[in-house]
């Protein structure tokens, strides 16, 4: 009998690296197909209870799904309409804002020249060089934005169609998953599916409620301070707050810049203080009561997956990073060979610093596990 083939360690590592490289390359190349499908599956999981509610009321399943999606689309269009009107007002005031920024830059140049004894011509040269670089970058970003808008429109059209089909063929898809495995593993499969559904529903529904609360608090605080376009900035801040770590920084930077341009540095400081207070309320009161979840992802993994999701699929990938990682953790926790990976994704030490998977926020929350 021939001895089993032994592969050297360096060969195994090479094969693993090449395999992972090929896998992520396929994910990147096929993002136009994969990302809408993942969003559709998550949305179908969230809307499942609503569809079941109509079905229990003797409504035809096709009509129940169509009615549910119609309600979601009408609500989304109403929100987009409000934001579009605010963006229209903002675009009308862009020339005035540009003029104010130019005045601020000029005053700052004079201050730098007097404070550090640098010739004003030299400072203006630095400013002009920076403006030219910004202009080049801006043109590139505009071109990318136009392409991204086209991609977003395609995705927005595809997601309702995919969601309808996922909800309609849900029994068939569940049966397909069961047939992939032996009968002895069906109980574990059912447990994984049930746990995944519970986690995704609690995460996304809680995240939606949290976004509404945070948007209300943001908009209210900006209105009290007197910052223009308070509703638009408040909603954008709540949406950015979904992205861990990075989103919150961008969310507070935009109203601070507008406050400096339109009012005064003291108003920008008030914006910063108000946002910090809102984040404190969000982290210590809203998250535990509204977005609580049973599965926890440690802070290191959450940062890595969010950055990796952004590099792989852009903004949409940053949002999908946490729920997809939570699903992977559930699978790892239920498969004996993958349990070490489940421990790495979650609680790996006695009293770890962890970030609840139910919240994607830019502030790390220290929870002590027993």
Protein backbone atom coordinates (compact mmCIF):
# COMPACT_ATOMS: atom_id res chain seq x y z
CA UNK A 1 0.00 0.00 0.00
CA UNK A 2 1.39 3.35 -1.06
CA UNK A 3 2.09 5.84 1.68
CA UNK A 4 -0.16 8.88 1.75
CA UNK A 5 1.19 11.84 -0.16
CA UNK A 6 2.66 14.42 2.21
CA UNK A 7 2.60 18.02 1.04
CA UNK A 8 5.28 20.29 2.56
CA UNK A 9 4.09 23.13 4.75
CA UNK A 10 5.31 25.82 2.35
CA UNK A 11 3.34 24.15 -0.45
CA UNK A 12 0.18 24.08 1.66
CA UNK A 13 0.57 27.77 2.52
CA UNK A 14 1.14 28.60 -1.16
CA UNK A 15 -1.97 26.66 -2.21
CA UNK A 16 -4.07 28.37 0.47
CA UNK A 17 -2.84 31.84 -0.55
CA UNK A 18 -3.39 31.18 -4.26
CA UNK A 19 -6.86 29.78 -3.52
CA UNK A 20 -7.82 32.79 -1.40
CA UNK A 21 -6.46 35.17 -4.04
CA UNK A 22 -8.53 33.46 -6.75
CA UNK A 23 -11.63 33.44 -4.50
CA UNK A 24 -11.46 37.15 -3.70
CA UNK A 25 -10.64 37.96 -7.31
CA UNK A 26 -13.84 36.19 -8.38
CA UNK A 27 -15.80 38.08 -5.70
CA UNK A 28 -14.42 41.38 -7.00
CA UNK A 29 -15.01 40.60 -10.67
CA UNK A 30 -18.55 39.31 -10.06
CA UNK A 31 -19.59 42.03 -7.57
CA UNK A 32 -22.22 43.32 -9.99
CA UNK A 33 -23.98 39.95 -9.64
CA UNK A 34 -23.12 38.98 -6.07
CA UNK A 35 -23.83 42.25 -4.23
CA UNK A 36 -27.46 42.66 -5.43
CA UNK A 37 -28.15 39.00 -4.60
CA UNK A 38 -26.79 39.37 -1.05
CA UNK A 39 -28.81 42.54 -0.50
CA UNK A 40 -31.90 40.78 -1.85
CA UNK A 41 -31.42 37.80 0.44
CA UNK A 42 -31.01 40.06 3.49
CA UNK A 43 -34.07 42.10 2.49
CA UNK A 44 -36.07 38.92 1.91
CA UNK A 45 -35.16 37.67 5.39
CA UNK A 46 -36.35 40.97 6.91
CA UNK A 47 -39.58 41.06 4.89
CA UNK A 48 -40.36 37.37 5.46
CA UNK A 49 -42.48 37.96 8.60
CA UNK A 50 -44.53 40.63 6.79
CA UNK A 51 -45.20 38.29 3.87
CA UNK A 52 -46.14 35.49 6.29
CA UNK A 53 -48.53 37.90 8.06
CA UNK A 54 -50.43 38.49 4.81
CA UNK A 55 -50.34 34.79 3.89
CA UNK A 56 -51.86 33.86 7.28
CA UNK A 57 -54.68 36.27 6.40
CA UNK A 58 -55.49 34.07 3.37
CA UNK A 59 -53.79 36.43 0.90
CA UNK A 60 -52.27 34.78 -2.15
CA UNK A 61 -48.50 34.47 -1.73
CA UNK A 62 -47.70 36.35 -4.95
CA UNK A 63 -50.03 39.19 -3.95
CA UNK A 64 -48.61 39.21 -0.41
CA UNK A 65 -45.04 39.54 -1.70
CA UNK A 66 -46.06 42.21 -4.23
CA UNK A 67 -47.94 44.19 -1.57
CA UNK A 68 -45.01 44.03 0.83
CA UNK A 69 -42.51 45.19 -1.79
CA UNK A 70 -44.89 47.97 -2.90
CA UNK A 71 -45.04 49.33 0.66
CA UNK A 72 -41.24 49.25 0.91
CA UNK A 73 -40.77 50.96 -2.48
CA UNK A 74 -43.30 53.72 -1.73
CA UNK A 75 -41.68 54.39 1.66
CA UNK A 76 -38.19 54.47 0.12
CA UNK A 77 -39.31 56.83 -2.67
CA UNK A 78 -40.88 59.18 -0.11
CA UNK A 79 -37.60 59.38 1.83
CA UNK A 80 -35.61 59.87 -1.38
CA UNK A 81 -38.02 62.66 -2.42
CA UNK A 82 -37.43 64.58 0.82
CA UNK A 83 -33.66 64.17 0.54
CA UNK A 84 -33.70 65.18 -3.14
CA UNK A 85 -35.50 68.43 -2.35
CA UNK A 86 -32.89 69.21 0.31
CA UNK A 87 -30.06 68.37 -2.10
CA UNK A 88 -31.61 70.68 -4.69
CA UNK A 89 -31.57 73.54 -2.18
CA UNK A 90 -27.98 72.68 -1.30
CA UNK A 91 -26.85 72.72 -4.94
CA UNK A 92 -28.39 76.19 -5.40
CA UNK A 93 -26.21 77.55 -2.60
CA UNK A 94 -22.96 75.92 -3.75
CA UNK A 95 -21.63 79.14 -5.42
CA UNK A 96 -22.18 81.13 -2.21
CA UNK A 97 -20.50 78.40 -0.16
CA UNK A 98 -17.56 78.33 -2.59
CA UNK A 99 -17.12 82.08 -2.22
CA UNK A 100 -17.17 81.80 1.59
CA UNK A 101 -14.60 79.02 1.50
CA UNK A 102 -12.35 81.12 -0.74
CA UNK A 103 -12.58 84.00 1.73
CA UNK A 104 -11.75 81.61 4.60
CA UNK A 105 -8.74 80.24 2.69
CA UNK A 106 -7.52 83.78 1.96
CA UNK A 107 -7.85 84.83 5.61
CA UNK A 108 -6.07 81.66 6.73
CA UNK A 109 -3.27 82.27 4.26
CA UNK A 110 -2.73 85.74 5.69
CA UNK A 111 -2.72 84.31 9.22
CA UNK A 112 -0.17 81.63 8.30
CA UNK A 113 2.00 84.22 6.56
CA UNK A 114 2.01 86.54 9.60
CA UNK A 115 2.28 83.81 12.22
CA UNK A 116 5.16 81.83 10.67
CA UNK A 117 6.84 84.69 8.80
CA UNK A 118 6.28 83.16 5.36
CA UNK A 119 5.80 85.28 2.24
CA UNK A 120 2.14 85.53 1.24
CA UNK A 121 3.05 84.63 -2.37
CA UNK A 122 4.53 81.35 -1.16
CA UNK A 123 1.41 80.52 0.83
CA UNK A 124 -0.80 81.37 -2.16
CA UNK A 125 1.37 79.09 -4.28
CA UNK A 126 0.79 76.23 -1.88
CA UNK A 127 -2.95 76.90 -1.91
CA UNK A 128 -3.08 77.03 -5.72
CA UNK A 129 -1.12 73.79 -5.97
CA UNK A 130 -3.49 72.13 -3.51
CA UNK A 131 -6.49 73.46 -5.46
CA UNK A 132 -5.15 72.05 -8.72
CA UNK A 133 -4.64 68.64 -7.12
CA UNK A 134 -8.14 68.76 -5.67
CA UNK A 135 -9.54 69.73 -9.08
CA UNK A 136 -7.84 66.77 -10.77
CA UNK A 137 -9.05 64.41 -8.08
CA UNK A 138 -12.52 65.94 -8.29
CA UNK A 139 -12.75 65.30 -12.04
CA UNK A 140 -11.75 61.67 -11.50
CA UNK A 141 -14.30 61.32 -8.70
CA UNK A 142 -17.04 62.85 -10.87
CA UNK A 143 -16.31 60.33 -13.59
CA UNK A 144 -16.37 57.47 -11.09
CA UNK A 145 -19.54 58.84 -9.52
CA UNK A 146 -21.34 58.88 -12.89
CA UNK A 147 -20.35 55.25 -13.44
CA UNK A 148 -21.35 54.34 -9.88
CA UNK A 149 -24.73 56.07 -10.29
CA UNK A 150 -25.38 53.90 -13.33
CA UNK A 151 -24.42 50.81 -11.37
CA UNK A 152 -26.61 51.89 -8.43
CA UNK A 153 -29.61 52.37 -10.72
CA UNK A 154 -29.13 48.87 -12.09
CA UNK A 155 -28.85 47.45 -8.56
CA UNK A 156 -31.91 49.41 -7.37
CA UNK A 157 -33.90 47.89 -10.21
CA UNK A 158 -32.57 44.36 -9.68
CA UNK A 159 -32.96 44.16 -5.88
CA UNK A 160 -36.81 44.23 -5.85
CA UNK A 161 -36.88 41.60 -8.61
CA UNK A 162 -34.38 39.36 -6.80
CA UNK A 163 -36.17 39.89 -3.48
CA UNK A 164 -39.51 38.90 -5.02
CA UNK A 165 -38.00 35.72 -6.48
CA UNK A 166 -36.19 34.80 -3.25
CA UNK A 167 -39.42 35.21 -1.24
CA UNK A 168 -41.44 33.29 -3.83
CA UNK A 169 -38.96 30.40 -4.15
CA UNK A 170 -38.04 30.32 -0.46
CA UNK A 171 -39.44 26.75 0.11
CA UNK A 172 -37.56 25.50 -2.95
CA UNK A 173 -34.29 27.13 -1.82
CA UNK A 174 -34.62 25.67 1.69
CA UNK A 175 -35.28 22.24 0.23
CA UNK A 176 -32.24 22.63 -2.06
CA UNK A 177 -30.01 23.42 0.94
CA UNK A 178 -31.29 20.34 2.77
CA UNK A 179 -30.62 18.11 -0.25
CA UNK A 180 -26.98 19.21 -0.32
CA UNK A 181 -26.39 17.40 2.97
CA UNK A 182 -27.21 14.00 4.41
CA UNK A 183 -30.36 13.49 6.47
CA UNK A 184 -28.36 13.24 9.69
CA UNK A 185 -27.24 16.84 9.29
CA UNK A 186 -30.68 18.33 8.59
CA UNK A 187 -31.20 19.26 12.25
CA UNK A 188 -27.96 21.24 12.29
CA UNK A 189 -28.90 22.88 8.98
CA UNK A 190 -32.29 23.90 10.39
CA UNK A 191 -30.56 25.34 13.46
CA UNK A 192 -28.15 27.35 11.29
CA UNK A 193 -30.96 28.70 9.10
CA UNK A 194 -33.10 29.62 12.09
CA UNK A 195 -30.23 31.32 13.93
CA UNK A 196 -29.16 33.19 10.80
CA UNK A 197 -32.70 34.44 10.18
CA UNK A 198 -33.02 35.63 13.78
CA UNK A 199 -29.67 37.44 13.71
CA UNK A 200 -30.28 39.17 10.37
CA UNK A 201 -33.80 40.24 11.33
CA UNK A 202 -32.74 41.61 14.72
CA UNK A 203 -29.70 43.32 13.20
CA UNK A 204 -31.35 45.02 10.21
CA UNK A 205 -34.65 45.93 11.86
CA UNK A 206 -32.81 47.25 14.90
CA UNK A 207 -30.38 49.12 12.68
CA UNK A 208 -33.28 50.70 10.81
CA UNK A 209 -34.93 51.88 14.03
CA UNK A 210 -31.61 53.15 15.32
CA UNK A 211 -31.01 55.09 12.08
CA UNK A 212 -34.40 56.78 12.42
CA UNK A 213 -33.67 57.77 16.04
CA UNK A 214 -30.15 59.00 15.26
CA UNK A 215 -31.36 60.93 12.18
CA UNK A 216 -34.00 62.64 14.33
CA UNK A 217 -31.46 63.54 17.03
CA UNK A 218 -28.90 64.75 14.45
CA UNK A 219 -31.41 66.88 12.57
CA UNK A 220 -32.87 68.32 15.77
CA UNK A 221 -29.47 69.31 17.15
CA UNK A 222 -28.41 70.92 13.85
CA UNK A 223 -31.68 72.85 13.67
CA UNK A 224 -31.13 74.16 17.20
CA UNK A 225 -27.56 75.23 16.34
CA UNK A 226 -28.80 76.83 13.14
CA UNK A 227 -26.81 74.80 10.60
CA UNK A 228 -28.25 74.90 7.07
CA UNK A 229 -29.66 71.72 5.50
CA UNK A 230 -30.07 70.15 8.93
CA UNK A 231 -32.44 67.40 7.76
CA UNK A 232 -30.21 66.36 4.87
CA UNK A 233 -27.08 66.31 7.04
CA UNK A 234 -28.89 64.52 9.87
CA UNK A 235 -30.11 61.72 7.60
CA UNK A 236 -26.74 61.38 5.86
CA UNK A 237 -25.07 61.22 9.28
CA UNK A 238 -27.44 58.46 10.40
CA UNK A 239 -26.74 56.47 7.22
CA UNK A 240 -22.98 56.92 7.57
CA UNK A 241 -23.28 55.87 11.20
CA UNK A 242 -24.06 52.39 9.89
CA UNK A 243 -20.44 52.04 8.75
CA UNK A 244 -18.16 51.17 11.67
CA UNK A 245 -15.47 53.63 12.76
CA UNK A 246 -15.16 55.54 9.45
CA UNK A 247 -18.78 56.57 8.93
CA UNK A 248 -19.15 58.49 12.17
CA UNK A 249 -16.06 60.61 11.49
CA UNK A 250 -17.35 61.63 8.05
CA UNK A 251 -20.83 62.23 9.47
CA UNK A 252 -19.61 64.84 11.96
CA UNK A 253 -17.09 66.41 9.56
CA UNK A 254 -19.67 67.58 7.00
CA UNK A 255 -21.89 69.67 9.33
CA UNK A 256 -18.79 71.06 11.05
CA UNK A 257 -17.42 72.32 7.73
CA UNK A 258 -20.75 73.91 6.83
CA UNK A 259 -21.00 75.45 10.29
CA UNK A 260 -17.56 77.05 9.89
CA UNK A 261 -18.45 78.34 6.40
CA UNK A 262 -21.90 79.71 7.24
CA UNK A 263 -21.64 80.65 10.92
CA UNK A 264 -18.54 80.49 13.11
CA UNK A 265 -15.95 78.10 14.59
CA UNK A 266 -17.94 78.11 17.84
CA UNK A 267 -20.93 76.69 15.94
CA UNK A 268 -18.71 73.93 14.57
CA UNK A 269 -17.61 73.16 18.13
CA UNK A 270 -21.28 72.96 19.18
CA UNK A 271 -21.89 70.52 16.32
CA UNK A 272 -18.99 68.35 17.51
CA UNK A 273 -20.24 68.38 21.12
CA UNK A 274 -23.81 67.58 20.10
CA UNK A 275 -22.71 64.67 17.90
CA UNK A 276 -20.53 63.30 20.70
CA UNK A 277 -23.53 63.44 23.06
CA UNK A 278 -25.71 61.71 20.47
CA UNK A 279 -23.07 59.01 20.02
CA UNK A 280 -22.91 58.51 23.77
CA UNK A 281 -26.70 58.09 23.90
CA UNK A 282 -26.57 55.81 20.87
CA UNK A 283 -23.84 53.58 22.26
CA UNK A 284 -25.14 53.27 25.83
CA UNK A 285 -28.93 53.40 25.47
CA UNK A 286 -30.15 52.94 21.89
CA UNK A 287 -27.90 50.05 20.87
CA UNK A 288 -28.47 47.81 23.93
CA UNK A 289 -32.26 48.27 23.79
CA UNK A 290 -32.94 48.52 20.05
CA UNK A 291 -30.12 46.72 18.23
CA UNK A 292 -29.28 43.95 20.68
CA UNK A 293 -28.07 40.63 19.25
CA UNK A 294 -26.91 37.28 20.54
CA UNK A 295 -23.87 37.04 18.28
CA UNK A 296 -20.83 39.20 18.92
CA UNK A 297 -17.88 40.00 16.67
CA UNK A 298 -14.71 41.22 18.33
CA UNK A 299 -13.50 44.72 17.52
CA UNK A 300 -10.35 43.64 15.62
CA UNK A 301 -12.31 41.41 13.24
CA UNK A 302 -15.02 44.06 12.75
CA UNK A 303 -12.41 46.65 11.67
CA UNK A 304 -10.71 44.20 9.30
CA UNK A 305 -13.91 42.98 7.62
CA UNK A 306 -15.26 46.52 7.19
CA UNK A 307 -12.05 47.72 5.53
CA UNK A 308 -11.89 44.54 3.44
CA UNK A 309 -15.54 44.96 2.43
CA UNK A 310 -14.87 48.54 1.36
CA UNK A 311 -11.81 47.52 -0.66
CA UNK A 312 -13.71 44.64 -2.27
CA UNK A 313 -17.17 46.09 -2.94
CA UNK A 314 -16.99 49.77 -2.02
CA UNK A 315 -19.56 51.46 0.20
CA UNK A 316 -22.03 48.58 -0.17
CA UNK A 317 -19.37 46.13 0.92
CA UNK A 318 -18.71 48.12 4.10
CA UNK A 319 -22.38 47.80 5.04
CA UNK A 320 -22.54 44.10 4.19
CA UNK A 321 -19.32 43.25 6.07
CA UNK A 322 -20.83 42.92 9.56
CA UNK A 323 -23.99 40.87 8.73
CA UNK A 324 -22.07 38.56 6.37
CA UNK A 325 -19.40 38.01 9.05
CA UNK A 326 -22.16 37.25 11.56
CA UNK A 327 -23.57 34.59 9.22
CA UNK A 328 -20.09 33.09 8.76
CA UNK A 329 -19.66 32.98 12.54
CA UNK A 330 -22.98 31.13 12.95
CA UNK A 331 -21.87 28.54 10.40
CA UNK A 332 -18.47 28.17 12.09
CA UNK A 333 -20.10 27.72 15.50
CA UNK A 334 -22.23 24.82 14.17
CA UNK A 335 -19.48 22.97 12.24
CA UNK A 336 -17.04 21.10 14.47
CA UNK A 337 -14.03 21.60 12.18
CA UNK A 338 -14.69 25.35 11.92
CA UNK A 339 -15.31 26.10 15.59
CA UNK A 340 -11.82 27.59 16.13
CA UNK A 341 -12.65 30.17 13.46
CA UNK A 342 -15.90 30.91 15.26
CA UNK A 343 -13.92 31.60 18.45
CA UNK A 344 -11.55 33.91 16.56
CA UNK A 345 -14.47 35.89 15.12
CA UNK A 346 -16.14 36.17 18.52
CA UNK A 347 -14.99 35.89 22.11
CA UNK A 348 -11.44 34.57 22.12
CA UNK A 349 -10.27 35.57 25.60
CA UNK A 350 -11.82 35.55 29.05
CA UNK A 351 -12.74 39.24 29.11
CA UNK A 352 -12.42 40.55 25.55
CA UNK A 353 -13.03 44.00 24.13
CA UNK A 354 -15.90 43.24 21.79
CA UNK A 355 -18.15 45.00 19.34
CA UNK A 356 -21.72 43.68 19.10
CA UNK A 357 -22.48 42.44 15.60
CA UNK A 358 -25.85 44.08 15.92
CA UNK A 359 -24.30 47.52 15.62
CA UNK A 360 -22.04 49.02 13.01
CA UNK A 361 -20.79 52.17 14.69
CA UNK A 362 -17.56 54.14 14.64
CA UNK A 363 -17.06 53.90 18.41
CA UNK A 364 -15.85 50.62 19.93
CA UNK A 365 -18.03 49.43 22.78
CA UNK A 366 -16.29 47.70 25.64
CA UNK A 367 -18.39 44.80 26.85
CA UNK A 368 -17.12 42.44 29.48
CA UNK A 369 -18.20 38.85 28.90
CA UNK A 370 -18.59 36.47 31.74
